[in-house]
PDB file of N, CA and C in Angstrom:
ATOM      1  N   MET A   1      69.681  15.450 -31.987  1.00  0.00           N
ATOM      2  CA  MET A   1      68.472  14.668 -31.410  1.00  0.00           C
ATOM      3  C   MET A   1      67.989  15.562 -30.215  1.00  0.00           C
ATOM      4  N   ALA A   2      66.373  16.185 -30.629  1.00  0.00           N
ATOM      5  CA  ALA A   2      66.079  16.921 -29.703  1.00  0.00           C
ATOM      6  C   ALA A   2      65.530  16.291 -28.132  1.00  0.00           C
ATOM      7  N   ARG A   3      65.449  17.080 -27.253  1.00  0.00           N
ATOM      8  CA  ARG A   3      65.473  16.666 -26.187  1.00  0.00           C
ATOM      9  C   ARG A   3      63.776  16.576 -25.547  1.00  0.00           C
ATOM     10  N   LYS A   4      63.528  15.659 -24.819  1.00  0.00           N
ATOM     11  CA  LYS A   4      62.300  15.590 -24.642  1.00  0.00           C
ATOM     12  C   LYS A   4      61.715  15.920 -23.154  1.00  0.00           C
ATOM     13  N   LEU A   5      60.369  16.011 -23.048  1.00  0.00           N
ATOM     14  CA  LEU A   5      59.886  16.526 -21.872  1.00  0.00           C
ATOM     15  C   LEU A   5      58.535  15.828 -21.682  1.00  0.00           C
ATOM     16  N   ALA A   6      58.265  15.649 -20.336  1.00  0.00           N
ATOM     17  CA  ALA A   6      56.807  14.974 -19.990  1.00  0.00           C
ATOM     18  C   ALA A   6      55.712  16.038 -19.930  1.00  0.00           C
ATOM     19  N   GLN A   7      54.765  15.754 -20.362  1.00  0.00           N
ATOM     20  CA  GLN A   7      53.771  16.412 -20.667  1.00  0.00           C
ATOM     21  C   GLN A   7      52.318  15.425 -20.098  1.00  0.00           C
ATOM     22  N   LEU A   8      51.842  16.277 -19.342  1.00  0.00           N
ATOM     23  CA  LEU A   8      50.208  15.320 -18.845  1.00  0.00           C
ATOM     24  C   LEU A   8      49.087  16.731 -18.757  1.00  0.00           C
ATOM     25  N   PRO A   9      47.825  16.209 -19.352  1.00  0.00           N
ATOM     26  CA  PRO A   9      47.010  17.165 -19.127  1.00  0.00           C
ATOM     27  C   PRO A   9      46.289  16.955 -17.779  1.00  0.00           C
ATOM     28  N   GLN A  10      46.237  18.064 -17.222  1.00  0.00           N
ATOM     29  CA  GLN A  10      45.942  18.116 -15.513  1.00  0.00           C
ATOM     30  C   GLN A  10      44.599  17.669 -15.437  1.00  0.00           C
ATOM     31  N   LYS A  11      43.530  18.210 -16.204  1.00  0.00           N
ATOM     32  CA  LYS A  11      42.055  17.612 -15.956  1.00  0.00           C
ATOM     33  C   LYS A  11      42.074  16.418 -16.193  1.00  0.00           C
ATOM     34  N   ARG A  12      43.026  15.349 -16.647  1.00  0.00           N
ATOM     35  CA  ARG A  12      42.772  13.857 -16.669  1.00  0.00           C
ATOM     36  C   ARG A  12      43.454  13.126 -15.710  1.00  0.00           C
ATOM     37  N   CYS A  13      44.430  13.975 -14.861  1.00  0.00           N
ATOM     38  CA  CYS A  13      45.243  13.347 -13.983  1.00  0.00           C
ATOM     39  C   CYS A  13      44.575  12.639 -12.780  1.00  0.00           C
ATOM     40  N   VAL A  14      44.682  11.705 -12.258  1.00  0.00           N
ATOM     41  CA  VAL A  14      44.127  11.059 -11.119  1.00  0.00           C
ATOM     42  C   VAL A  14      44.795  11.292  -9.638  1.00  0.00           C
ATOM     43  N   ALA A  15      46.024  12.122  -9.590  1.00  0.00           N
ATOM     44  CA  ALA A  15      46.992  12.443  -8.569  1.00  0.00           C
ATOM     45  C   ALA A  15      47.110  11.438  -7.817  1.00  0.00           C
ATOM     46  N   CYS A  16      47.472   9.992  -8.646  1.00  0.00           N
ATOM     47  CA  CYS A  16      47.838   8.975  -7.623  1.00  0.00           C
ATOM     48  C   CYS A  16      49.403   8.879  -7.116  1.00  0.00           C
ATOM     49  N   GLY A  17      50.229   9.877  -7.893  1.00  0.00           N
ATOM     50  CA  GLY A  17      51.692  10.197  -7.210  1.00  0.00           C
ATOM     51  C   GLY A  17      52.647   9.102  -7.880  1.00  0.00           C
ATOM     52  N   CYS A  18      52.096   8.026  -8.553  1.00  0.00           N
ATOM     53  CA  CYS A  18      53.158   7.105  -9.097  1.00  0.00           C
ATOM     54  C   CYS A  18      54.296   7.992  -9.943  1.00  0.00           C
ATOM     55  N   CYS A  19      53.789   8.688 -10.909  1.00  0.00           N
ATOM     56  CA  CYS A  19      54.723   9.322 -11.450  1.00  0.00           C
ATOM     57  C   CYS A  19      56.019  10.056 -10.650  1.00  0.00           C
ATOM     58  N   ALA A  20      55.315  10.680  -9.524  1.00  0.00           N
ATOM     59  CA  ALA A  20      56.410  11.560  -8.789  1.00  0.00           C
ATOM     60  C   ALA A  20      57.368  10.533  -8.059  1.00  0.00           C
ATOM     61  N   LYS A  21      56.602   9.744  -7.717  1.00  0.00           N
ATOM     62  CA  LYS A  21      57.964   8.479  -6.816  1.00  0.00           C
ATOM     63  C   LYS A  21      58.698   7.745  -7.933  1.00  0.00           C
ATOM     64  N   VAL A  22      58.536   7.901  -9.189  1.00  0.00           N
ATOM     65  CA  VAL A  22      59.748   7.138  -9.980  1.00  0.00           C
ATOM     66  C   VAL A  22      60.686   8.366 -10.744  1.00  0.00           C
ATOM     67  N   CYS A  23      60.329   9.412 -10.555  1.00  0.00           N
ATOM     68  CA  CYS A  23      61.113  10.606 -11.221  1.00  0.00           C
ATOM     69  C   CYS A  23      62.330  10.556 -10.663  1.00  0.00           C
ATOM     70  N   PRO A  24      63.571  10.307 -11.212  1.00  0.00           N
ATOM     71  CA  PRO A  24      64.627  10.546 -10.608  1.00  0.00           C
ATOM     72  C   PRO A  24      65.462  11.642 -10.184  1.00  0.00           C
ATOM     73  N   LEU A  25      64.557  12.458 -10.898  1.00  0.00           N
ATOM     74  CA  LEU A  25      65.027  14.036 -10.497  1.00  0.00           C
ATOM     75  C   LEU A  25      64.015  14.799  -9.853  1.00  0.00           C
ATOM     76  N   GLY A  26      63.137  14.464  -9.234  1.00  0.00           N
ATOM     77  CA  GLY A  26      61.909  15.186  -8.463  1.00  0.00           C
ATOM     78  C   GLY A  26      61.389  16.030  -9.662  1.00  0.00           C
ATOM     79  N   ALA A  27      61.118  15.836 -10.825  1.00  0.00           N
ATOM     80  CA  ALA A  27      60.847  16.757 -11.610  1.00  0.00           C
ATOM     81  C   ALA A  27      59.266  16.738 -11.736  1.00  0.00           C
ATOM     82  N   VAL A  28      58.356  15.785 -11.160  1.00  0.00           N
ATOM     83  CA  VAL A  28      56.877  15.883 -10.929  1.00  0.00           C
ATOM     84  C   VAL A  28      56.648  15.715  -9.487  1.00  0.00           C
ATOM     85  N   THR A  29      55.564  16.427  -9.396  1.00  0.00           N
ATOM     86  CA  THR A  29      55.118  16.897  -7.958  1.00  0.00           C
ATOM     87  C   THR A  29      53.360  16.695  -8.421  1.00  0.00           C
ATOM     88  N   VAL A  30      53.097  16.376  -7.034  1.00  0.00           N
ATOM     89  CA  VAL A  30      51.273  16.444  -7.063  1.00  0.00           C
ATOM     90  C   VAL A  30      50.815  17.361  -6.292  1.00  0.00           C
ATOM     91  N   TYR A  31      50.277  18.337  -7.059  1.00  0.00           N
ATOM     92  CA  TYR A  31      49.701  19.481  -6.382  1.00  0.00           C
ATOM     93  C   TYR A  31      48.777  19.766  -5.591  1.00  0.00           C
ATOM     94  N   ARG A  32      48.539  19.494  -4.448  1.00  0.00           N
ATOM     95  CA  ARG A  32      47.582  19.797  -3.291  1.00  0.00           C
ATOM     96  C   ARG A  32      46.592  18.502  -3.327  1.00  0.00           C
ATOM     97  N   GLY A  33      47.294  17.487  -3.807  1.00  0.00           N
ATOM     98  CA  GLY A  33      46.372  16.186  -3.906  1.00  0.00           C
ATOM     99  C   GLY A  33      45.507  16.180  -5.430  1.00  0.00           C
ATOM    100  N   LEU A  34      45.558  17.041  -6.227  1.00  0.00           N
ATOM    101  CA  LEU A  34      44.602  17.511  -7.428  1.00  0.00           C
ATOM    102  C   LEU A  34      45.146  16.950  -8.582  1.00  0.00           C
ATOM    103  N   TYR A  35      46.395  16.995  -8.948  1.00  0.00           N
ATOM    104  CA  TYR A  35      47.134  16.692 -10.089  1.00  0.00           C
ATOM    105  C   TYR A  35      48.429  16.840 -10.001  1.00  0.00           C
ATOM    106  N   ALA A  36      48.842  16.151 -11.002  1.00  0.00           N
ATOM    107  CA  ALA A  36      50.325  16.409 -11.087  1.00  0.00           C
ATOM    108  C   ALA A  36      51.035  16.973 -11.904  1.00  0.00           C
ATOM    109  N   GLN A  37      52.092  17.946 -11.868  1.00  0.00           N
ATOM    110  CA  GLN A  37      52.672  18.909 -12.725  1.00  0.00           C
ATOM    111  C   GLN A  37      53.938  18.686 -12.621  1.00  0.00           C
ATOM    112  N   VAL A  38      54.740  18.884 -13.773  1.00  0.00           N
ATOM    113  CA  VAL A  38      56.117  18.692 -14.240  1.00  0.00           C
ATOM    114  C   VAL A  38      56.885  19.798 -14.107  1.00  0.00           C
ATOM    115  N   ASP A  39      57.953  20.044 -13.909  1.00  0.00           N
ATOM    116  CA  ASP A  39      58.833  21.439 -13.566  1.00  0.00           C
ATOM    117  C   ASP A  39      59.757  20.990 -14.977  1.00  0.00           C
ATOM    118  N   ALA A  40      59.753  21.818 -15.870  1.00  0.00           N
ATOM    119  CA  ALA A  40      60.361  21.710 -17.148  1.00  0.00           C
ATOM    120  C   ALA A  40      61.676  22.082 -16.850  1.00  0.00           C
ATOM    121  N   GLY A  41      62.166  22.748 -16.226  1.00  0.00           N
ATOM    122  CA  GLY A  41      63.408  22.881 -15.716  1.00  0.00           C
ATOM    123  C   GLY A  41      64.172  21.840 -15.439  1.00  0.00           C
ATOM    124  N   ARG A  42      63.747  20.902 -14.653  1.00  0.00           N
ATOM    125  CA  ARG A  42      64.187  19.819 -13.873  1.00  0.00           C
ATOM    126  C   ARG A  42      64.088  18.404 -14.954  1.00  0.00           C
ATOM    127  N   CYS A  43      62.841  18.117 -15.792  1.00  0.00           N
ATOM    128  CA  CYS A  43      62.546  17.248 -16.729  1.00  0.00           C
ATOM    129  C   CYS A  43      63.515  16.816 -17.681  1.00  0.00           C
ATOM    130  N   VAL A  44      64.209  15.697 -17.696  1.00  0.00           N
ATOM    131  CA  VAL A  44      65.089  15.332 -18.995  1.00  0.00           C
ATOM    132  C   VAL A  44      64.459  14.112 -19.622  1.00  0.00           C
ATOM    133  N   GLY A  45      63.232  14.078 -19.469  1.00  0.00           N
ATOM    134  CA  GLY A  45      62.400  13.310 -20.475  1.00  0.00           C
ATOM    135  C   GLY A  45      62.916  11.649 -20.585  1.00  0.00           C
ATOM    136  N   CYS A  46      63.357  10.984 -19.506  1.00  0.00           N
ATOM    137  CA  CYS A  46      63.584   9.728 -19.433  1.00  0.00           C
ATOM    138  C   CYS A  46      62.075   8.726 -19.709  1.00  0.00           C
ATOM    139  N   GLY A  47      60.984   9.398 -19.573  1.00  0.00           N
ATOM    140  CA  GLY A  47      59.905   8.488 -19.745  1.00  0.00           C
ATOM    141  C   GLY A  47      59.318   7.608 -18.453  1.00  0.00           C
ATOM    142  N   LYS A  48      60.070   7.646 -17.550  1.00  0.00           N
ATOM    143  CA  LYS A  48      59.856   6.804 -16.348  1.00  0.00           C
ATOM    144  C   LYS A  48      58.201   7.111 -15.847  1.00  0.00           C
ATOM    145  N   CYS A  49      58.138   8.242 -15.723  1.00  0.00           N
ATOM    146  CA  CYS A  49      56.799   8.521 -15.288  1.00  0.00           C
ATOM    147  C   CYS A  49      55.677   7.959 -16.343  1.00  0.00           C
ATOM    148  N   ALA A  50      55.817   8.144 -17.478  1.00  0.00           N
ATOM    149  CA  ALA A  50      55.138   7.770 -18.454  1.00  0.00           C
ATOM    150  C   ALA A  50      54.536   6.119 -18.542  1.00  0.00           C
ATOM    151  N   ALA A  51      55.640   5.747 -18.391  1.00  0.00           N
ATOM    152  CA  ALA A  51      55.675   4.126 -18.266  1.00  0.00           C
ATOM    153  C   ALA A  51      54.757   3.703 -16.993  1.00  0.00           C
ATOM    154  N   VAL A  52      54.632   4.430 -15.702  1.00  0.00           N
ATOM    155  CA  VAL A  52      53.823   3.529 -14.719  1.00  0.00           C
ATOM    156  C   VAL A  52      52.580   4.788 -14.395  1.00  0.00           C
ATOM    157  N   CYS A  53      52.340   5.450 -15.117  1.00  0.00           N
ATOM    158  CA  CYS A  53      51.056   6.176 -15.223  1.00  0.00           C
ATOM    159  C   CYS A  53      50.146   5.122 -15.418  1.00  0.00           C
ATOM    160  N   PRO A  54      49.306   4.979 -14.385  1.00  0.00           N
ATOM    161  CA  PRO A  54      48.107   4.167 -14.498  1.00  0.00           C
ATOM    162  C   PRO A  54      47.093   4.616 -15.577  1.00  0.00           C
ATOM    163  N   ALA A  55      46.818   5.956 -15.639  1.00  0.00           N
ATOM    164  CA  ALA A  55      45.618   6.319 -16.462  1.00  0.00           C
ATOM    165  C   ALA A  55      46.248   6.589 -17.896  1.00  0.00           C
ATOM    166  N   GLU A  56      47.458   6.442 -18.096  1.00  0.00           N
ATOM    167  CA  GLU A  56      48.092   6.327 -19.450  1.00  0.00           C
ATOM    168  C   GLU A  56      48.090   7.765 -20.256  1.00  0.00           C
ATOM    169  N   ILE A  57      48.200   8.815 -19.228  1.00  0.00           N
ATOM    170  CA  ILE A  57      47.949  10.302 -19.965  1.00  0.00           C
ATOM    171  C   ILE A  57      49.452  10.965 -20.206  1.00  0.00           C
ATOM    172  N   ILE A  58      50.245  10.520 -19.425  1.00  0.00           N
ATOM    173  CA  ILE A  58      51.630  11.166 -19.755  1.00  0.00           C
ATOM    174  C   ILE A  58      52.207  10.954 -21.047  1.00  0.00           C
ATOM    175  N   THR A  59      52.868  11.960 -21.796  1.00  0.00           N
ATOM    176  CA  THR A  59      53.261  11.502 -23.118  1.00  0.00           C
ATOM    177  C   THR A  59      54.532  12.243 -22.919  1.00  0.00           C
ATOM    178  N   LEU A  60      55.667  12.018 -23.890  1.00  0.00           N
ATOM    179  CA  LEU A  60      56.852  12.872 -24.198  1.00  0.00           C
ATOM    180  C   LEU A  60      56.719  13.562 -25.392  1.00  0.00           C
ATOM    181  N   VAL A  61      57.012  14.874 -25.417  1.00  0.00           N
ATOM    182  CA  VAL A  61      56.888  15.632 -26.611  1.00  0.00           C
ATOM    183  C   VAL A  61      58.365  16.488 -26.424  1.00  0.00           C
ATOM    184  N   SER A  62      58.920  16.988 -27.631  1.00  0.00           N
ATOM    185  CA  SER A  62      59.991  17.577 -28.050  1.00  0.00           C
ATOM    186  C   SER A  62      59.723  18.679 -27.356  1.00  0.00           C
ATOM    187  N   ARG A  63      60.941  19.839 -26.840  1.00  0.00           N
ATOM    188  CA  ARG A  63      60.891  20.689 -25.830  1.00  0.00           C
ATOM    189  C   ARG A  63      60.277  22.024 -26.985  1.00  0.00           C
ATOM    190  N   GLU A  64      61.095  21.576 -28.144  1.00  0.00           N
ATOM    191  CA  GLU A  64      60.620  22.655 -29.056  1.00  0.00           C
ATOM    192  C   GLU A  64      59.129  22.810 -29.291  1.00  0.00           C
ATOM    193  N   GLU A  65      58.370  21.992 -29.234  1.00  0.00           N
ATOM    194  CA  GLU A  65      56.793  21.863 -29.119  1.00  0.00           C
ATOM    195  C   GLU A  65      56.211  22.724 -27.976  1.00  0.00           C
ATOM    196  N   GLN A  66      56.849  22.722 -26.686  1.00  0.00           N
ATOM    197  CA  GLN A  66      56.551  23.890 -25.805  1.00  0.00           C
ATOM    198  C   GLN A  66      56.704  24.979 -26.020  1.00  0.00           C
ATOM    199  N   LEU A  67      57.571  25.316 -26.974  1.00  0.00           N
ATOM    200  CA  LEU A  67      57.520  27.120 -26.929  1.00  0.00           C
ATOM    201  C   LEU A  67      56.567  27.568 -27.738  1.00  0.00           C
TER     202      LEU A  67
END
């Protein structure tokens, strides 16, 4: 089974910080109050960030798609 990774389009992010608050590993941060970004090295693809995103822009993709 392929491992997943959270992905979000920065231009559509509203920088609310909901995703960063629920990430159990601190893989999501809000950069300068502008947009959220995902640290691929820390993300385990649990989907908690996607579940709480009010803009519904976070998706889970297989890590192979990122290469």
